[in-house]
Structure formats: structure tokens, C-alpha cells
Amino acid sequence: MTSSDERRLLGVRVLHTVAWAFFASCIVAIPILAWREQVLQAGILCGVVFAEVLVLLANDWRCPLTPVAARYTTDRRDNFDIFLPEWLARYNKEIFGTLYLVGLIVVVYRWLT
């Protein structure tokens, strides 16, 4: 791998990590906002995260940055394209998908009551 490839991979990993942190924060905030009766704000975040779900769905459940990162390395560990522990990168969708569903349930509950 050339130093140019290393720099590009670093850039993709940083961008991917920032995007992940944004969406992870939205997912964590959804039930908190809903429980605090800020249902409109929670609903907006639900929509933001749902847009990301659509992007993932359109890309075979992979972040569109993953194939970009793959151009610059032969590494294919679960976290080759992001600054996360390997276990979290491996189970990211399961963990945050579950949290998102829980958040949606809390939003609907608070909206109906």
C-alpha cells in the first residue's frame, strides 16, 4: 500500500467514523427525547435514521463508504473501513438496529399517550 493509499484510507475511515457517530448518536437520542416528551424532535431523528436505513438497503446493507475504503487496502477485517473496535463493527447493525426499534416503540408509545 502506498502512502497515498494510506492517506485516502485514513480519510475514508475518518469520514465513516464521523458518519457512524452521528447516526449512533441519533439512535441513542431517540428514546431519550421521546421519554422527555420531545416527540417531534425524536420523530425527526427517526426520519433521519430511516433515510440512512434506505441508503444501507440500497447498498446491500453495507455503508457506501466500505467499497471506497476497499480500493485502498487488502484488509477485510470488520473494522478495516472505520475506527471502531472489531466486535462493534461486526455487530453494529444488530446492536443499533435493536436500539432503533426500541426507540421507535418508545416514540409511538409517547405519541399515543
N, C-alpha and C. Protein backbone atom coordinates (compact mmCIF):
# COMPACT_ATOMS: atom_id res chain seq x y z
N MET A 1 0.85 -1.18 0.00
CA MET A 1 0.00 0.00 0.00
C MET A 1 0.90 1.24 0.00
N THR A 2 0.61 2.16 -0.89
CA THR A 2 1.41 3.38 -0.98
C THR A 2 0.97 4.37 0.09
N SER A 3 1.81 5.36 0.31
CA SER A 3 1.44 6.39 1.30
C SER A 3 0.20 7.16 0.84
N SER A 4 0.02 7.29 -0.46
CA SER A 4 -1.18 7.94 -0.99
C SER A 4 -2.42 7.11 -0.65
N ASP A 5 -2.32 5.79 -0.82
CA ASP A 5 -3.43 4.91 -0.46
C ASP A 5 -3.71 4.98 1.04
N GLU A 6 -2.66 5.03 1.83
CA GLU A 6 -2.83 5.11 3.29
C GLU A 6 -3.56 6.39 3.68
N ARG A 7 -3.20 7.50 3.04
CA ARG A 7 -3.88 8.77 3.34
C ARG A 7 -5.35 8.73 2.93
N ARG A 8 -5.61 8.16 1.77
CA ARG A 8 -7.00 8.06 1.31
C ARG A 8 -7.81 7.15 2.22
N LEU A 9 -7.23 6.02 2.60
CA LEU A 9 -7.91 5.11 3.53
C LEU A 9 -8.18 5.81 4.85
N LEU A 10 -7.21 6.55 5.34
CA LEU A 10 -7.40 7.30 6.59
C LEU A 10 -8.57 8.27 6.45
N GLY A 11 -8.63 8.97 5.33
CA GLY A 11 -9.73 9.91 5.10
C GLY A 11 -11.08 9.23 5.08
N VAL A 12 -11.16 8.09 4.40
CA VAL A 12 -12.43 7.35 4.35
C VAL A 12 -12.80 6.85 5.74
N ARG A 13 -11.81 6.34 6.48
CA ARG A 13 -12.09 5.83 7.83
C ARG A 13 -12.59 6.95 8.75
N VAL A 14 -11.97 8.13 8.65
CA VAL A 14 -12.39 9.26 9.47
C VAL A 14 -13.82 9.66 9.10
N LEU A 15 -14.09 9.81 7.81
CA LEU A 15 -15.43 10.18 7.35
C LEU A 15 -16.47 9.15 7.79
N HIS A 16 -16.14 7.87 7.63
CA HIS A 16 -17.05 6.80 8.01
C HIS A 16 -17.32 6.82 9.52
N THR A 17 -16.28 7.06 10.30
CA THR A 17 -16.44 7.11 11.76
C THR A 17 -17.29 8.29 12.18
N VAL A 18 -17.09 9.44 11.56
CA VAL A 18 -17.90 10.62 11.88
C VAL A 18 -19.37 10.37 11.52
N ALA A 19 -19.61 9.78 10.35
CA ALA A 19 -20.99 9.48 9.95
C ALA A 19 -21.61 8.46 10.92
N TRP A 20 -20.84 7.44 11.28
CA TRP A 20 -21.33 6.44 12.23
C TRP A 20 -21.68 7.10 13.57
N ALA A 21 -20.81 7.97 14.06
CA ALA A 21 -21.04 8.63 15.34
C ALA A 21 -22.31 9.49 15.28
N PHE A 22 -22.52 10.15 14.18
CA PHE A 22 -23.73 10.96 14.01
C PHE A 22 -24.98 10.10 14.11
N PHE A 23 -25.03 9.01 13.33
CA PHE A 23 -26.22 8.17 13.32
C PHE A 23 -26.38 7.40 14.63
N ALA A 24 -25.29 6.95 15.22
CA ALA A 24 -25.36 6.28 16.52
C ALA A 24 -25.91 7.24 17.58
N SER A 25 -25.48 8.49 17.53
CA SER A 25 -25.98 9.50 18.47
C SER A 25 -27.47 9.75 18.27
N CYS A 26 -27.89 9.81 17.02
CA CYS A 26 -29.32 9.98 16.74
C CYS A 26 -30.11 8.82 17.32
N ILE A 27 -29.63 7.60 17.12
CA ILE A 27 -30.34 6.41 17.61
C ILE A 27 -30.43 6.41 19.13
N VAL A 28 -29.36 6.78 19.79
CA VAL A 28 -29.37 6.83 21.26
C VAL A 28 -30.29 7.95 21.75
N ALA A 29 -30.34 9.06 21.04
CA ALA A 29 -31.14 10.21 21.46
C ALA A 29 -32.64 9.98 21.28
N ILE A 30 -33.04 9.14 20.34
CA ILE A 30 -34.47 8.97 20.03
C ILE A 30 -35.29 8.59 21.26
N PRO A 31 -34.99 7.51 21.97
CA PRO A 31 -35.83 7.18 23.12
C PRO A 31 -35.72 8.18 24.26
N ILE A 32 -34.56 8.79 24.39
CA ILE A 32 -34.38 9.80 25.45
C ILE A 32 -35.29 11.00 25.18
N LEU A 33 -35.26 11.49 23.96
CA LEU A 33 -36.13 12.62 23.61
C LEU A 33 -37.60 12.25 23.75
N ALA A 34 -37.96 11.07 23.29
CA ALA A 34 -39.36 10.64 23.37
C ALA A 34 -39.79 10.54 24.83
N TRP A 35 -38.95 9.97 25.67
CA TRP A 35 -39.31 9.82 27.07
C TRP A 35 -39.45 11.18 27.76
N ARG A 36 -38.70 12.17 27.27
CA ARG A 36 -38.79 13.53 27.82
C ARG A 36 -39.91 14.32 27.16
N GLU A 37 -40.78 13.63 26.43
CA GLU A 37 -41.93 14.22 25.76
C GLU A 37 -41.55 15.20 24.65
N GLN A 38 -40.38 15.02 24.08
CA GLN A 38 -39.96 15.79 22.91
C GLN A 38 -40.14 14.91 21.68
N VAL A 39 -41.41 14.56 21.45
CA VAL A 39 -41.75 13.57 20.43
C VAL A 39 -41.46 14.10 19.03
N LEU A 40 -41.67 15.38 18.79
CA LEU A 40 -41.38 15.93 17.47
C LEU A 40 -39.90 15.78 17.13
N GLN A 41 -39.03 16.16 18.05
CA GLN A 41 -37.59 16.03 17.82
C GLN A 41 -37.19 14.57 17.63
N ALA A 42 -37.76 13.69 18.45
CA ALA A 42 -37.48 12.26 18.32
C ALA A 42 -37.95 11.75 16.96
N GLY A 43 -39.10 12.22 16.53
CA GLY A 43 -39.63 11.82 15.23
C GLY A 43 -38.74 12.27 14.08
N ILE A 44 -38.21 13.46 14.19
CA ILE A 44 -37.29 13.96 13.16
C ILE A 44 -36.06 13.06 13.09
N LEU A 45 -35.51 12.72 14.26
CA LEU A 45 -34.34 11.83 14.26
C LEU A 45 -34.70 10.45 13.71
N CYS A 46 -35.91 9.98 13.98
CA CYS A 46 -36.34 8.70 13.39
C CYS A 46 -36.30 8.78 11.87
N GLY A 47 -36.74 9.90 11.34
CA GLY A 47 -36.70 10.08 9.89
C GLY A 47 -35.29 10.15 9.34
N VAL A 48 -34.41 10.83 10.06
CA VAL A 48 -33.00 10.92 9.64
C VAL A 48 -32.38 9.53 9.60
N VAL A 49 -32.61 8.76 10.64
CA VAL A 49 -32.05 7.41 10.69
C VAL A 49 -32.70 6.53 9.63
N PHE A 50 -33.99 6.70 9.40
CA PHE A 50 -34.66 5.91 8.37
C PHE A 50 -34.06 6.19 6.99
N ALA A 51 -33.68 7.43 6.74
CA ALA A 51 -33.01 7.75 5.47
C ALA A 51 -31.72 6.95 5.34
N GLU A 52 -30.98 6.83 6.43
CA GLU A 52 -29.75 6.04 6.42
C GLU A 52 -30.06 4.56 6.20
N VAL A 53 -31.13 4.08 6.79
CA VAL A 53 -31.54 2.68 6.57
C VAL A 53 -31.81 2.46 5.08
N LEU A 54 -32.47 3.41 4.43
CA LEU A 54 -32.73 3.28 2.99
C LEU A 54 -31.43 3.25 2.19
N VAL A 55 -30.46 4.07 2.59
CA VAL A 55 -29.15 4.06 1.92
C VAL A 55 -28.49 2.69 2.08
N LEU A 56 -28.51 2.16 3.29
CA LEU A 56 -27.93 0.84 3.54
C LEU A 56 -28.67 -0.23 2.74
N LEU A 57 -29.99 -0.16 2.72
CA LEU A 57 -30.78 -1.12 1.98
C LEU A 57 -30.43 -1.10 0.49
N ALA A 58 -30.24 0.08 -0.05
CA ALA A 58 -29.89 0.22 -1.47
C ALA A 58 -28.48 -0.27 -1.78
N ASN A 59 -27.66 -0.45 -0.74
CA ASN A 59 -26.27 -0.88 -0.91
C ASN A 59 -26.02 -2.26 -0.29
N ASP A 60 -27.02 -3.13 -0.36
CA ASP A 60 -26.89 -4.50 0.19
C ASP A 60 -26.49 -4.50 1.65
N TRP A 61 -27.06 -3.59 2.42
CA TRP A 61 -26.84 -3.48 3.86
C TRP A 61 -25.39 -3.16 4.21
N ARG A 62 -24.69 -2.48 3.30
CA ARG A 62 -23.32 -2.03 3.58
C ARG A 62 -23.28 -0.52 3.41
N CYS A 63 -22.42 0.10 4.20
CA CYS A 63 -22.21 1.53 4.03
C CYS A 63 -21.58 1.77 2.66
N PRO A 64 -22.02 2.79 1.94
CA PRO A 64 -21.43 3.07 0.63
C PRO A 64 -19.95 3.45 0.71
N LEU A 65 -19.45 3.77 1.90
CA LEU A 65 -18.03 4.09 2.05
C LEU A 65 -17.16 2.84 2.10
N THR A 66 -17.75 1.68 2.40
CA THR A 66 -16.96 0.45 2.51
C THR A 66 -16.26 0.09 1.20
N PRO A 67 -16.94 0.08 0.05
CA PRO A 67 -16.22 -0.23 -1.18
C PRO A 67 -15.19 0.84 -1.56
N VAL A 68 -15.42 2.07 -1.13
CA VAL A 68 -14.42 3.12 -1.37
C VAL A 68 -13.16 2.80 -0.59
N ALA A 69 -13.31 2.45 0.69
CA ALA A 69 -12.15 2.09 1.51
C ALA A 69 -11.45 0.86 0.97
N ALA A 70 -12.22 -0.08 0.44
CA ALA A 70 -11.65 -1.32 -0.08
C ALA A 70 -10.69 -1.09 -1.24
N ARG A 71 -10.82 0.02 -1.92
CA ARG A 71 -9.90 0.34 -3.02
C ARG A 71 -8.48 0.57 -2.54
N TYR A 72 -8.33 0.91 -1.26
CA TYR A 72 -7.03 1.36 -0.76
C TYR A 72 -6.35 0.38 0.18
N THR A 73 -6.94 -0.81 0.36
CA THR A 73 -6.33 -1.80 1.24
C THR A 73 -6.83 -3.20 0.87
N THR A 74 -6.05 -4.18 1.23
CA THR A 74 -6.49 -5.57 1.06
C THR A 74 -7.08 -6.11 2.36
N ASP A 75 -6.98 -5.36 3.43
CA ASP A 75 -7.52 -5.74 4.73
C ASP A 75 -9.04 -5.84 4.62
N ARG A 76 -9.61 -6.90 5.15
CA ARG A 76 -11.07 -7.04 5.13
C ARG A 76 -11.63 -7.41 6.50
N ARG A 77 -10.91 -7.04 7.55
CA ARG A 77 -11.49 -7.23 8.88
C ARG A 77 -12.76 -6.39 8.98
N ASP A 78 -13.58 -6.70 9.95
CA ASP A 78 -14.86 -5.99 10.08
C ASP A 78 -14.71 -4.49 10.28
N ASN A 79 -13.55 -4.06 10.78
CA ASN A 79 -13.35 -2.63 11.04
C ASN A 79 -12.27 -2.01 10.14
N PHE A 80 -12.02 -2.60 8.98
CA PHE A 80 -10.96 -2.06 8.11
C PHE A 80 -11.29 -0.67 7.59
N ASP A 81 -12.58 -0.33 7.59
CA ASP A 81 -13.02 0.92 6.97
C ASP A 81 -13.53 1.95 7.97
N ILE A 82 -13.36 1.68 9.28
CA ILE A 82 -13.92 2.56 10.30
C ILE A 82 -13.10 2.41 11.59
N PHE A 83 -13.05 3.47 12.38
CA PHE A 83 -12.35 3.43 13.66
C PHE A 83 -13.29 2.98 14.77
N LEU A 84 -13.61 1.71 14.77
CA LEU A 84 -14.41 1.08 15.81
C LEU A 84 -13.71 -0.20 16.22
N PRO A 85 -13.94 -0.66 17.45
CA PRO A 85 -13.43 -1.98 17.81
C PRO A 85 -14.03 -3.02 16.86
N GLU A 86 -13.29 -4.05 16.57
CA GLU A 86 -13.75 -5.04 15.59
C GLU A 86 -15.09 -5.66 15.99
N TRP A 87 -15.28 -5.94 17.29
CA TRP A 87 -16.53 -6.56 17.73
C TRP A 87 -17.71 -5.62 17.47
N LEU A 88 -17.53 -4.32 17.67
CA LEU A 88 -18.61 -3.37 17.45
C LEU A 88 -18.90 -3.21 15.96
N ALA A 89 -17.86 -3.17 15.15
CA ALA A 89 -18.06 -3.09 13.71
C ALA A 89 -18.80 -4.34 13.21
N ARG A 90 -18.47 -5.50 13.77
CA ARG A 90 -19.10 -6.76 13.35
C ARG A 90 -20.59 -6.78 13.71
N TYR A 91 -20.94 -6.31 14.89
CA TYR A 91 -22.33 -6.41 15.36
C TYR A 91 -23.06 -5.07 15.36
N ASN A 92 -22.53 -4.11 14.66
CA ASN A 92 -23.08 -2.77 14.62
C ASN A 92 -24.57 -2.75 14.23
N LYS A 93 -24.91 -3.41 13.15
CA LYS A 93 -26.30 -3.38 12.69
C LYS A 93 -27.24 -4.04 13.69
N GLU A 94 -26.81 -5.13 14.28
CA GLU A 94 -27.65 -5.80 15.27
C GLU A 94 -27.86 -4.92 16.50
N ILE A 95 -26.79 -4.33 17.00
CA ILE A 95 -26.87 -3.50 18.20
C ILE A 95 -27.71 -2.26 17.94
N PHE A 96 -27.34 -1.49 16.93
CA PHE A 96 -28.02 -0.22 16.71
C PHE A 96 -29.37 -0.40 16.02
N GLY A 97 -29.56 -1.49 15.28
CA GLY A 97 -30.88 -1.79 14.74
C GLY A 97 -31.87 -2.06 15.85
N THR A 98 -31.44 -2.83 16.85
CA THR A 98 -32.29 -3.11 18.01
C THR A 98 -32.60 -1.83 18.78
N LEU A 99 -31.57 -1.02 19.02
CA LEU A 99 -31.79 0.25 19.73
C LEU A 99 -32.74 1.16 18.96
N TYR A 100 -32.61 1.18 17.64
CA TYR A 100 -33.50 2.00 16.80
C TYR A 100 -34.95 1.51 16.93
N LEU A 101 -35.15 0.20 16.87
CA LEU A 101 -36.51 -0.34 17.02
C LEU A 101 -37.10 -0.01 18.40
N VAL A 102 -36.28 -0.14 19.43
CA VAL A 102 -36.74 0.23 20.78
C VAL A 102 -37.12 1.71 20.81
N GLY A 103 -36.29 2.54 20.20
CA GLY A 103 -36.58 3.97 20.14
C GLY A 103 -37.89 4.26 19.42
N LEU A 104 -38.11 3.56 18.31
CA LEU A 104 -39.37 3.74 17.58
C LEU A 104 -40.57 3.36 18.43
N ILE A 105 -40.44 2.27 19.19
CA ILE A 105 -41.52 1.84 20.07
C ILE A 105 -41.79 2.91 21.14
N VAL A 106 -40.75 3.46 21.71
CA VAL A 106 -40.91 4.50 22.74
C VAL A 106 -41.57 5.73 22.14
N VAL A 107 -41.16 6.11 20.93
CA VAL A 107 -41.76 7.28 20.27
C VAL A 107 -43.25 7.05 20.04
N VAL A 108 -43.60 5.90 19.50
CA VAL A 108 -45.01 5.61 19.23
C VAL A 108 -45.80 5.58 20.53
N TYR A 109 -45.25 4.98 21.58
CA TYR A 109 -45.92 4.92 22.87
C TYR A 109 -46.18 6.33 23.42
N ARG A 110 -45.13 7.17 23.38
CA ARG A 110 -45.28 8.54 23.92
C ARG A 110 -46.22 9.36 23.07
N TRP A 111 -46.24 9.11 21.78
CA TRP A 111 -47.11 9.85 20.88
C TRP A 111 -48.57 9.49 21.13
N LEU A 112 -48.82 8.21 21.42
CA LEU A 112 -50.18 7.75 21.64
C LEU A 112 -50.71 8.05 23.04
N THR A 113 -49.83 8.32 23.99
CA THR A 113 -50.29 8.54 25.36
C THR A 113 -50.23 10.00 25.76
